[in-house]
PDB file of N, CA and C in Angstrom:
ATOM      1  N   MET A   1       2.903 -13.769 -31.316  1.00  0.00           N
ATOM      2  CA  MET A   1       2.310 -13.422 -30.051  1.00  0.00           C
ATOM      3  C   MET A   1       2.907 -12.085 -29.606  1.00  0.00           C
ATOM      4  N   LYS A   2       2.065 -11.200 -29.151  1.00  0.00           N
ATOM      5  CA  LYS A   2       2.511  -9.888 -28.697  1.00  0.00           C
ATOM      6  C   LYS A   2       3.194  -9.994 -27.339  1.00  0.00           C
ATOM      7  N   ILE A   3       4.074  -9.033 -27.066  1.00  0.00           N
ATOM      8  CA  ILE A   3       4.806  -9.029 -25.791  1.00  0.00           C
ATOM      9  C   ILE A   3       3.856  -8.860 -24.606  1.00  0.00           C
ATOM     10  N   THR A   4       2.776  -8.107 -24.795  1.00  0.00           N
ATOM     11  CA  THR A   4       1.814  -7.950 -23.693  1.00  0.00           C
ATOM     12  C   THR A   4       1.119  -9.271 -23.386  1.00  0.00           C
ATOM     13  N   SER A   5       0.848 -10.059 -24.412  1.00  0.00           N
ATOM     14  CA  SER A   5       0.256 -11.378 -24.188  1.00  0.00           C
ATOM     15  C   SER A   5       1.242 -12.302 -23.487  1.00  0.00           C
ATOM     16  N   ILE A   6       2.496 -12.237 -23.878  1.00  0.00           N
ATOM     17  CA  ILE A   6       3.529 -13.056 -23.243  1.00  0.00           C
ATOM     18  C   ILE A   6       3.642 -12.723 -21.760  1.00  0.00           C
ATOM     19  N   ILE A   7       3.656 -11.436 -21.440  1.00  0.00           N
ATOM     20  CA  ILE A   7       3.770 -11.009 -20.039  1.00  0.00           C
ATOM     21  C   ILE A   7       2.551 -11.446 -19.239  1.00  0.00           C
ATOM     22  N   ALA A   8       1.365 -11.267 -19.809  1.00  0.00           N
ATOM     23  CA  ALA A   8       0.144 -11.642 -19.095  1.00  0.00           C
ATOM     24  C   ALA A   8       0.071 -13.148 -18.858  1.00  0.00           C
ATOM     25  N   ILE A   9       0.401 -13.939 -19.861  1.00  0.00           N
ATOM     26  CA  ILE A   9       0.338 -15.395 -19.716  1.00  0.00           C
ATOM     27  C   ILE A   9       1.410 -15.879 -18.740  1.00  0.00           C
ATOM     28  N   TYR A  10       2.620 -15.289 -18.815  1.00  0.00           N
ATOM     29  CA  TYR A  10       3.663 -15.663 -17.863  1.00  0.00           C
ATOM     30  C   TYR A  10       3.239 -15.313 -16.435  1.00  0.00           C
ATOM     31  N   ALA A  11       2.590 -14.161 -16.261  1.00  0.00           N
ATOM     32  CA  ALA A  11       2.122 -13.769 -14.925  1.00  0.00           C
ATOM     33  C   ALA A  11       1.101 -14.769 -14.390  1.00  0.00           C
ATOM     34  N   LEU A  12       0.226 -15.247 -15.250  1.00  0.00           N
ATOM     35  CA  LEU A  12      -0.733 -16.265 -14.822  1.00  0.00           C
ATOM     36  C   LEU A  12      -0.031 -17.561 -14.417  1.00  0.00           C
ATOM     37  N   PHE A  13       0.958 -17.966 -15.212  1.00  0.00           N
ATOM     38  CA  PHE A  13       1.733 -19.147 -14.849  1.00  0.00           C
ATOM     39  C   PHE A  13       2.473 -18.937 -13.531  1.00  0.00           C
ATOM     40  N   TRP A  14       2.982 -17.721 -13.293  1.00  0.00           N
ATOM     41  CA  TRP A  14       3.733 -17.453 -12.066  1.00  0.00           C
ATOM     42  C   TRP A  14       2.822 -17.545 -10.848  1.00  0.00           C
ATOM     43  N   VAL A  15       1.646 -16.953 -10.922  1.00  0.00           N
ATOM     44  CA  VAL A  15       0.719 -17.002  -9.783  1.00  0.00           C
ATOM     45  C   VAL A  15       0.295 -18.440  -9.512  1.00  0.00           C
ATOM     46  N   MET A  16      -0.023 -19.174 -10.571  1.00  0.00           N
ATOM     47  CA  MET A  16      -0.395 -20.578 -10.407  1.00  0.00           C
ATOM     48  C   MET A  16       0.761 -21.369  -9.778  1.00  0.00           C
ATOM     49  N   SER A  17       1.970 -21.117 -10.241  1.00  0.00           N
ATOM     50  CA  SER A  17       3.142 -21.811  -9.699  1.00  0.00           C
ATOM     51  C   SER A  17       3.381 -21.456  -8.243  1.00  0.00           C
ATOM     52  N   ALA A  18       3.164 -20.193  -7.896  1.00  0.00           N
ATOM     53  CA  ALA A  18       3.360 -19.772  -6.505  1.00  0.00           C
ATOM     54  C   ALA A  18       2.420 -20.536  -5.580  1.00  0.00           C
ATOM     55  N   PHE A  19       1.167 -20.702  -5.983  1.00  0.00           N
ATOM     56  CA  PHE A  19       0.238 -21.468  -5.160  1.00  0.00           C
ATOM     57  C   PHE A  19       0.609 -22.952  -5.107  1.00  0.00           C
ATOM     58  N   LEU A  20       1.202 -23.461  -6.174  1.00  0.00           N
ATOM     59  CA  LEU A  20       1.603 -24.865  -6.180  1.00  0.00           C
ATOM     60  C   LEU A  20       2.797 -25.126  -5.260  1.00  0.00           C
ATOM     61  N   VAL A  21       3.758 -24.208  -5.209  1.00  0.00           N
ATOM     62  CA  VAL A  21       4.962 -24.438  -4.411  1.00  0.00           C
ATOM     63  C   VAL A  21       4.834 -23.908  -2.985  1.00  0.00           C
ATOM     64  N   LEU A  22       3.768 -23.200  -2.683  1.00  0.00           N
ATOM     65  CA  LEU A  22       3.612 -22.605  -1.353  1.00  0.00           C
ATOM     66  C   LEU A  22       3.725 -23.614  -0.209  1.00  0.00           C
ATOM     67  N   PRO A  23       3.093 -24.775  -0.269  1.00  0.00           N
ATOM     68  CA  PRO A  23       3.182 -25.697   0.875  1.00  0.00           C
ATOM     69  C   PRO A  23       4.452 -26.547   0.920  1.00  0.00           C
ATOM     70  N   ILE A  24       5.314 -26.455  -0.090  1.00  0.00           N
ATOM     71  CA  ILE A  24       6.498 -27.321  -0.128  1.00  0.00           C
ATOM     72  C   ILE A  24       7.493 -26.904   0.959  1.00  0.00           C
ATOM     73  N   GLY A  25       7.853 -27.838   1.813  1.00  0.00           N
ATOM     74  CA  GLY A  25       8.863 -27.610   2.830  1.00  0.00           C
ATOM     75  C   GLY A  25       8.395 -26.872   4.070  1.00  0.00           C
ATOM     76  N   ILE A  26       7.129 -26.582   4.176  1.00  0.00           N
ATOM     77  CA  ILE A  26       6.612 -25.852   5.341  1.00  0.00           C
ATOM     78  C   ILE A  26       6.467 -26.820   6.516  1.00  0.00           C
ATOM     79  N   ARG A  27       6.903 -26.393   7.678  1.00  0.00           N
ATOM     80  CA  ARG A  27       6.804 -27.192   8.899  1.00  0.00           C
ATOM     81  C   ARG A  27       6.045 -26.402   9.956  1.00  0.00           C
ATOM     82  N   THR A  28       5.234 -27.097  10.725  1.00  0.00           N
ATOM     83  CA  THR A  28       4.484 -26.472  11.812  1.00  0.00           C
ATOM     84  C   THR A  28       5.343 -26.462  13.077  1.00  0.00           C
ATOM     85  N   PRO A  29       4.961 -25.671  14.073  1.00  0.00           N
ATOM     86  CA  PRO A  29       5.724 -25.681  15.328  1.00  0.00           C
ATOM     87  C   PRO A  29       5.781 -27.059  15.994  1.00  0.00           C
ATOM     88  N   ASP A  30       4.757 -27.874  15.796  1.00  0.00           N
ATOM     89  CA  ASP A  30       4.782 -29.230  16.356  1.00  0.00           C
ATOM     90  C   ASP A  30       5.901 -30.055  15.724  1.00  0.00           C
ATOM     91  N   GLU A  31       6.127 -29.854  14.433  1.00  0.00           N
ATOM     92  CA  GLU A  31       7.158 -30.607  13.729  1.00  0.00           C
ATOM     93  C   GLU A  31       8.558 -30.095  14.028  1.00  0.00           C
ATOM     94  N   THR A  32       8.704 -28.791  14.286  1.00  0.00           N
ATOM     95  CA  THR A  32      10.025 -28.217  14.540  1.00  0.00           C
ATOM     96  C   THR A  32      10.370 -28.182  16.025  1.00  0.00           C
ATOM     97  N   GLY A  33       9.386 -28.425  16.889  1.00  0.00           N
ATOM     98  CA  GLY A  33       9.639 -28.430  18.324  1.00  0.00           C
ATOM     99  C   GLY A  33       9.572 -27.054  18.962  1.00  0.00           C
ATOM    100  N   GLU A  34       9.117 -26.056  18.239  1.00  0.00           N
ATOM    101  CA  GLU A  34       9.000 -24.708  18.793  1.00  0.00           C
ATOM    102  C   GLU A  34       7.736 -24.589  19.636  1.00  0.00           C
ATOM    103  N   GLU A  35       7.768 -23.658  20.589  1.00  0.00           N
ATOM    104  CA  GLU A  35       6.584 -23.398  21.401  1.00  0.00           C
ATOM    105  C   GLU A  35       5.665 -22.445  20.670  1.00  0.00           C
ATOM    106  N   LEU A  36       4.370 -22.646  20.865  1.00  0.00           N
ATOM    107  CA  LEU A  36       3.385 -21.761  20.260  1.00  0.00           C
ATOM    108  C   LEU A  36       3.306 -20.453  21.039  1.00  0.00           C
ATOM    109  N   VAL A  37       3.144 -19.365  20.319  1.00  0.00           N
ATOM    110  CA  VAL A  37       2.893 -18.068  20.933  1.00  0.00           C
ATOM    111  C   VAL A  37       1.408 -18.004  21.256  1.00  0.00           C
ATOM    112  N   LYS A  38       1.042 -17.296  22.317  1.00  0.00           N
ATOM    113  CA  LYS A  38      -0.357 -17.204  22.710  1.00  0.00           C
ATOM    114  C   LYS A  38      -1.178 -16.648  21.544  1.00  0.00           C
ATOM    115  N   GLY A  39      -2.234 -17.386  21.167  1.00  0.00           N
ATOM    116  CA  GLY A  39      -3.102 -16.985  20.073  1.00  0.00           C
ATOM    117  C   GLY A  39      -2.679 -17.521  18.716  1.00  0.00           C
ATOM    118  N   GLN A  40      -1.540 -18.197  18.652  1.00  0.00           N
ATOM    119  CA  GLN A  40      -1.041 -18.722  17.381  1.00  0.00           C
ATOM    120  C   GLN A  40      -1.769 -20.013  17.032  1.00  0.00           C
ATOM    121  N   ALA A  41      -2.130 -20.155  15.773  1.00  0.00           N
ATOM    122  CA  ALA A  41      -2.775 -21.383  15.306  1.00  0.00           C
ATOM    123  C   ALA A  41      -1.739 -22.508  15.270  1.00  0.00           C
ATOM    124  N   THR A  42      -2.175 -23.707  15.572  1.00  0.00           N
ATOM    125  CA  THR A  42      -1.245 -24.845  15.563  1.00  0.00           C
ATOM    126  C   THR A  42      -0.773 -25.171  14.151  1.00  0.00           C
ATOM    127  N   SER A  43      -1.524 -24.721  13.145  1.00  0.00           N
ATOM    128  CA  SER A  43      -1.147 -25.000  11.762  1.00  0.00           C
ATOM    129  C   SER A  43      -0.294 -23.896  11.140  1.00  0.00           C
ATOM    130  N   ALA A  44       0.026 -22.857  11.898  1.00  0.00           N
ATOM    131  CA  ALA A  44       0.824 -21.747  11.366  1.00  0.00           C
ATOM    132  C   ALA A  44       2.248 -22.227  11.081  1.00  0.00           C
ATOM    133  N   PRO A  45       2.804 -21.858   9.925  1.00  0.00           N
ATOM    134  CA  PRO A  45       4.160 -22.312   9.605  1.00  0.00           C
ATOM    135  C   PRO A  45       5.198 -21.624  10.477  1.00  0.00           C
ATOM    136  N   SER A  46       6.216 -22.381  10.843  1.00  0.00           N
ATOM    137  CA  SER A  46       7.279 -21.789  11.658  1.00  0.00           C
ATOM    138  C   SER A  46       8.531 -21.495  10.843  1.00  0.00           C
ATOM    139  N   ASN A  47       8.569 -21.950   9.610  1.00  0.00           N
ATOM    140  CA  ASN A  47       9.764 -21.739   8.792  1.00  0.00           C
ATOM    141  C   ASN A  47       9.418 -21.149   7.413  1.00  0.00           C
ATOM    142  N   PHE A  48       8.461 -20.239   7.357  1.00  0.00           N
ATOM    143  CA  PHE A  48       8.051 -19.649   6.082  1.00  0.00           C
ATOM    144  C   PHE A  48       9.167 -18.765   5.537  1.00  0.00           C
ATOM    145  N   ASN A  49       9.517 -18.978   4.258  1.00  0.00           N
ATOM    146  CA  ASN A  49      10.581 -18.215   3.610  1.00  0.00           C
ATOM    147  C   ASN A  49      10.066 -17.713   2.253  1.00  0.00           C
ATOM    148  N   PRO A  50       9.630 -16.440   2.176  1.00  0.00           N
ATOM    149  CA  PRO A  50       9.062 -15.940   0.927  1.00  0.00           C
ATOM    150  C   PRO A  50      10.056 -15.932  -0.243  1.00  0.00           C
ATOM    151  N   ARG A  51      11.331 -15.752   0.028  1.00  0.00           N
ATOM    152  CA  ARG A  51      12.326 -15.767  -1.057  1.00  0.00           C
ATOM    153  C   ARG A  51      12.379 -17.129  -1.738  1.00  0.00           C
ATOM    154  N   ARG A  52      12.252 -18.176  -0.959  1.00  0.00           N
ATOM    155  CA  ARG A  52      12.264 -19.522  -1.508  1.00  0.00           C
ATOM    156  C   ARG A  52      11.031 -19.757  -2.370  1.00  0.00           C
ATOM    157  N   ILE A  53       9.892 -19.252  -1.920  1.00  0.00           N
ATOM    158  CA  ILE A  53       8.650 -19.386  -2.685  1.00  0.00           C
ATOM    159  C   ILE A  53       8.777 -18.651  -4.016  1.00  0.00           C
ATOM    160  N   VAL A  54       9.310 -17.431  -3.994  1.00  0.00           N
ATOM    161  CA  VAL A  54       9.480 -16.642  -5.218  1.00  0.00           C
ATOM    162  C   VAL A  54      10.437 -17.347  -6.176  1.00  0.00           C
ATOM    163  N   ARG A  55      11.534 -17.860  -5.638  1.00  0.00           N
ATOM    164  CA  ARG A  55      12.527 -18.546  -6.477  1.00  0.00           C
ATOM    165  C   ARG A  55      11.942 -19.806  -7.123  1.00  0.00           C
ATOM    166  N   LEU A  56      11.274 -20.634  -6.336  1.00  0.00           N
ATOM    167  CA  LEU A  56      10.680 -21.855  -6.872  1.00  0.00           C
ATOM    168  C   LEU A  56       9.560 -21.555  -7.867  1.00  0.00           C
ATOM    169  N   ALA A  57       8.739 -20.553  -7.557  1.00  0.00           N
ATOM    170  CA  ALA A  57       7.644 -20.190  -8.462  1.00  0.00           C
ATOM    171  C   ALA A  57       8.188 -19.654  -9.780  1.00  0.00           C
ATOM    172  N   THR A  58       9.268 -18.894  -9.729  1.00  0.00           N
ATOM    173  CA  THR A  58       9.861 -18.350 -10.950  1.00  0.00           C
ATOM    174  C   THR A  58      10.427 -19.459 -11.820  1.00  0.00           C
ATOM    175  N   ILE A  59      11.102 -20.414 -11.210  1.00  0.00           N
ATOM    176  CA  ILE A  59      11.665 -21.530 -11.969  1.00  0.00           C
ATOM    177  C   ILE A  59      10.559 -22.376 -12.590  1.00  0.00           C
ATOM    178  N   LEU A  60       9.556 -22.730 -11.788  1.00  0.00           N
ATOM    179  CA  LEU A  60       8.470 -23.567 -12.292  1.00  0.00           C
ATOM    180  C   LEU A  60       7.676 -22.852 -13.382  1.00  0.00           C
ATOM    181  N   SER A  61       7.386 -21.572 -13.185  1.00  0.00           N
ATOM    182  CA  SER A  61       6.614 -20.843 -14.191  1.00  0.00           C
ATOM    183  C   SER A  61       7.409 -20.657 -15.478  1.00  0.00           C
ATOM    184  N   ALA A  62       8.717 -20.504 -15.387  1.00  0.00           N
ATOM    185  CA  ALA A  62       9.540 -20.395 -16.598  1.00  0.00           C
ATOM    186  C   ALA A  62       9.501 -21.694 -17.402  1.00  0.00           C
ATOM    187  N   VAL A  63       9.570 -22.829 -16.713  1.00  0.00           N
ATOM    188  CA  VAL A  63       9.503 -24.120 -17.400  1.00  0.00           C
ATOM    189  C   VAL A  63       8.129 -24.328 -18.029  1.00  0.00           C
ATOM    190  N   LEU A  64       7.072 -24.038 -17.265  1.00  0.00           N
ATOM    191  CA  LEU A  64       5.724 -24.211 -17.793  1.00  0.00           C
ATOM    192  C   LEU A  64       5.451 -23.274 -18.960  1.00  0.00           C
ATOM    193  N   PHE A  65       5.914 -22.015 -18.856  1.00  0.00           N
ATOM    194  CA  PHE A  65       5.692 -21.080 -19.951  1.00  0.00           C
ATOM    195  C   PHE A  65       6.496 -21.483 -21.182  1.00  0.00           C
ATOM    196  N   ALA A  66       7.701 -21.992 -20.984  1.00  0.00           N
ATOM    197  CA  ALA A  66       8.503 -22.453 -22.121  1.00  0.00           C
ATOM    198  C   ALA A  66       7.787 -23.581 -22.854  1.00  0.00           C
ATOM    199  N   LEU A  67       7.196 -24.506 -22.107  1.00  0.00           N
ATOM    200  CA  LEU A  67       6.424 -25.586 -22.731  1.00  0.00           C
ATOM    201  C   LEU A  67       5.192 -25.038 -23.450  1.00  0.00           C
ATOM    202  N   TYR A  68       4.522 -24.079 -22.821  1.00  0.00           N
ATOM    203  CA  TYR A  68       3.353 -23.463 -23.443  1.00  0.00           C
ATOM    204  C   TYR A  68       3.745 -22.760 -24.738  1.00  0.00           C
ATOM    205  N   TYR A  69       4.817 -21.985 -24.710  1.00  0.00           N
ATOM    206  CA  TYR A  69       5.229 -21.231 -25.886  1.00  0.00           C
ATOM    207  C   TYR A  69       5.720 -22.163 -27.001  1.00  0.00           C
ATOM    208  N   ALA A  70       6.406 -23.223 -26.623  1.00  0.00           N
ATOM    209  CA  ALA A  70       6.840 -24.199 -27.629  1.00  0.00           C
ATOM    210  C   ALA A  70       5.635 -24.854 -28.293  1.00  0.00           C
ATOM    211  N   ASN A  71       4.618 -25.172 -27.503  1.00  0.00           N
ATOM    212  CA  ASN A  71       3.400 -25.737 -28.077  1.00  0.00           C
ATOM    213  C   ASN A  71       2.698 -24.709 -28.953  1.00  0.00           C
ATOM    214  N   TYR A  72       2.729 -23.451 -28.563  1.00  0.00           N
ATOM    215  CA  TYR A  72       2.094 -22.389 -29.353  1.00  0.00           C
ATOM    216  C   TYR A  72       2.764 -22.247 -30.718  1.00  0.00           C
ATOM    217  N   THR A  73       4.078 -22.306 -30.727  1.00  0.00           N
ATOM    218  CA  THR A  73       4.790 -22.123 -31.993  1.00  0.00           C
ATOM    219  C   THR A  73       4.823 -23.406 -32.835  1.00  0.00           C
ATOM    220  N   GLN A  74       4.906 -24.563 -32.197  1.00  0.00           N
ATOM    221  CA  GLN A  74       5.015 -25.825 -32.923  1.00  0.00           C
ATOM    222  C   GLN A  74       3.667 -26.474 -33.224  1.00  0.00           C
ATOM    223  N   GLY A  75       2.650 -26.142 -32.442  1.00  0.00           N
ATOM    224  CA  GLY A  75       1.317 -26.692 -32.673  1.00  0.00           C
ATOM    225  C   GLY A  75       1.168 -28.157 -32.327  1.00  0.00           C
ATOM    226  N   TRP A  76       1.845 -28.608 -31.278  1.00  0.00           N
ATOM    227  CA  TRP A  76       1.767 -30.007 -30.874  1.00  0.00           C
ATOM    228  C   TRP A  76       0.341 -30.395 -30.491  1.00  0.00           C
ATOM    229  N   ILE A  77      -0.293 -29.577 -29.656  1.00  0.00           N
ATOM    230  CA  ILE A  77      -1.665 -29.827 -29.215  1.00  0.00           C
ATOM    231  C   ILE A  77      -2.495 -28.620 -29.625  1.00  0.00           C
ATOM    232  N   SER A  78      -3.533 -28.862 -30.402  1.00  0.00           N
ATOM    233  CA  SER A  78      -4.391 -27.767 -30.858  1.00  0.00           C
ATOM    234  C   SER A  78      -5.741 -27.844 -30.152  1.00  0.00           C
ATOM    235  N   VAL A  79      -6.570 -26.855 -30.397  1.00  0.00           N
ATOM    236  CA  VAL A  79      -7.908 -26.832 -29.819  1.00  0.00           C
ATOM    237  C   VAL A  79      -8.718 -28.020 -30.332  1.00  0.00           C
ATOM    238  N   ASP A  80      -8.509 -28.389 -31.581  1.00  0.00           N
ATOM    239  CA  ASP A  80      -9.228 -29.536 -32.138  1.00  0.00           C
ATOM    240  C   ASP A  80      -8.859 -30.837 -31.422  1.00  0.00           C
ATOM    241  N   ASP A  81      -7.628 -30.944 -30.949  1.00  0.00           N
ATOM    242  CA  ASP A  81      -7.209 -32.127 -30.203  1.00  0.00           C
ATOM    243  C   ASP A  81      -7.900 -32.219 -28.846  1.00  0.00           C
ATOM    244  N   LEU A  82      -8.309 -31.085 -28.302  1.00  0.00           N
ATOM    245  CA  LEU A  82      -8.945 -31.051 -26.989  1.00  0.00           C
ATOM    246  C   LEU A  82     -10.465 -31.168 -27.060  1.00  0.00           C
ATOM    247  N   ASN A  83     -11.024 -31.125 -28.238  1.00  0.00           N
ATOM    248  CA  ASN A  83     -12.474 -31.233 -28.429  1.00  0.00           C
ATOM    249  C   ASN A  83     -12.889 -32.683 -28.273  1.00  0.00           C
ATOM    250  N   LEU A  84     -13.344 -33.037 -27.096  1.00  0.00           N
ATOM    251  CA  LEU A  84     -13.677 -34.424 -26.796  1.00  0.00           C
ATOM    252  C   LEU A  84     -14.988 -34.859 -27.444  1.00  0.00           C
ATOM    253  N   ALA A  85     -15.861 -33.919 -27.765  1.00  0.00           N
ATOM    254  CA  ALA A  85     -17.171 -34.257 -28.335  1.00  0.00           C
ATOM    255  C   ALA A  85     -17.117 -34.373 -29.859  1.00  0.00           C
ATOM    256  N   ALA A  86     -15.993 -34.093 -30.489  1.00  0.00           N
ATOM    257  CA  ALA A  86     -15.915 -34.082 -31.956  1.00  0.00           C
ATOM    258  C   ALA A  86     -16.082 -35.474 -32.549  1.00  0.00           C
ATOM    259  N   GLY A  87     -15.600 -36.486 -31.893  1.00  0.00           N
ATOM    260  CA  GLY A  87     -15.656 -37.842 -32.442  1.00  0.00           C
ATOM    261  C   GLY A  87     -16.962 -38.566 -32.187  1.00  0.00           C
ATOM    262  N   HIS A  88     -17.837 -37.980 -31.400  1.00  0.00           N
ATOM    263  CA  HIS A  88     -19.090 -38.637 -31.048  1.00  0.00           C
ATOM    264  C   HIS A  88     -20.250 -38.020 -31.820  1.00  0.00           C
ATOM    265  N   SER A  89     -21.108 -38.857 -32.335  1.00  0.00           N
ATOM    266  CA  SER A  89     -22.300 -38.344 -32.987  1.00  0.00           C
ATOM    267  C   SER A  89     -23.517 -38.990 -32.360  1.00  0.00           C
ATOM    268  N   ASP A  90     -24.578 -38.198 -32.251  1.00  0.00           N
ATOM    269  CA  ASP A  90     -25.819 -38.715 -31.639  1.00  0.00           C
ATOM    270  C   ASP A  90     -26.830 -39.069 -32.677  1.00  0.00           C
TER     271      ASP A  90
END
């Protein structure tokens, strides 16, 4: 696998991981007891921490990419294994 492919696939895993970890630990002002600012949505997070999101996304994407790369090199699951219509005949 080329280094450009590795970087691109890892970037995809990172973005996916960032969206997965984004809601973890977020609290609304109702949950934290803070007062709303005029015009603020009630669902707006009051404890958003982008560093935590980056850290969690990096860890999760590294684990997922390691599993992906291990499968790529070892061939545990192939495209033929995912072909659900292969065993059925009409």
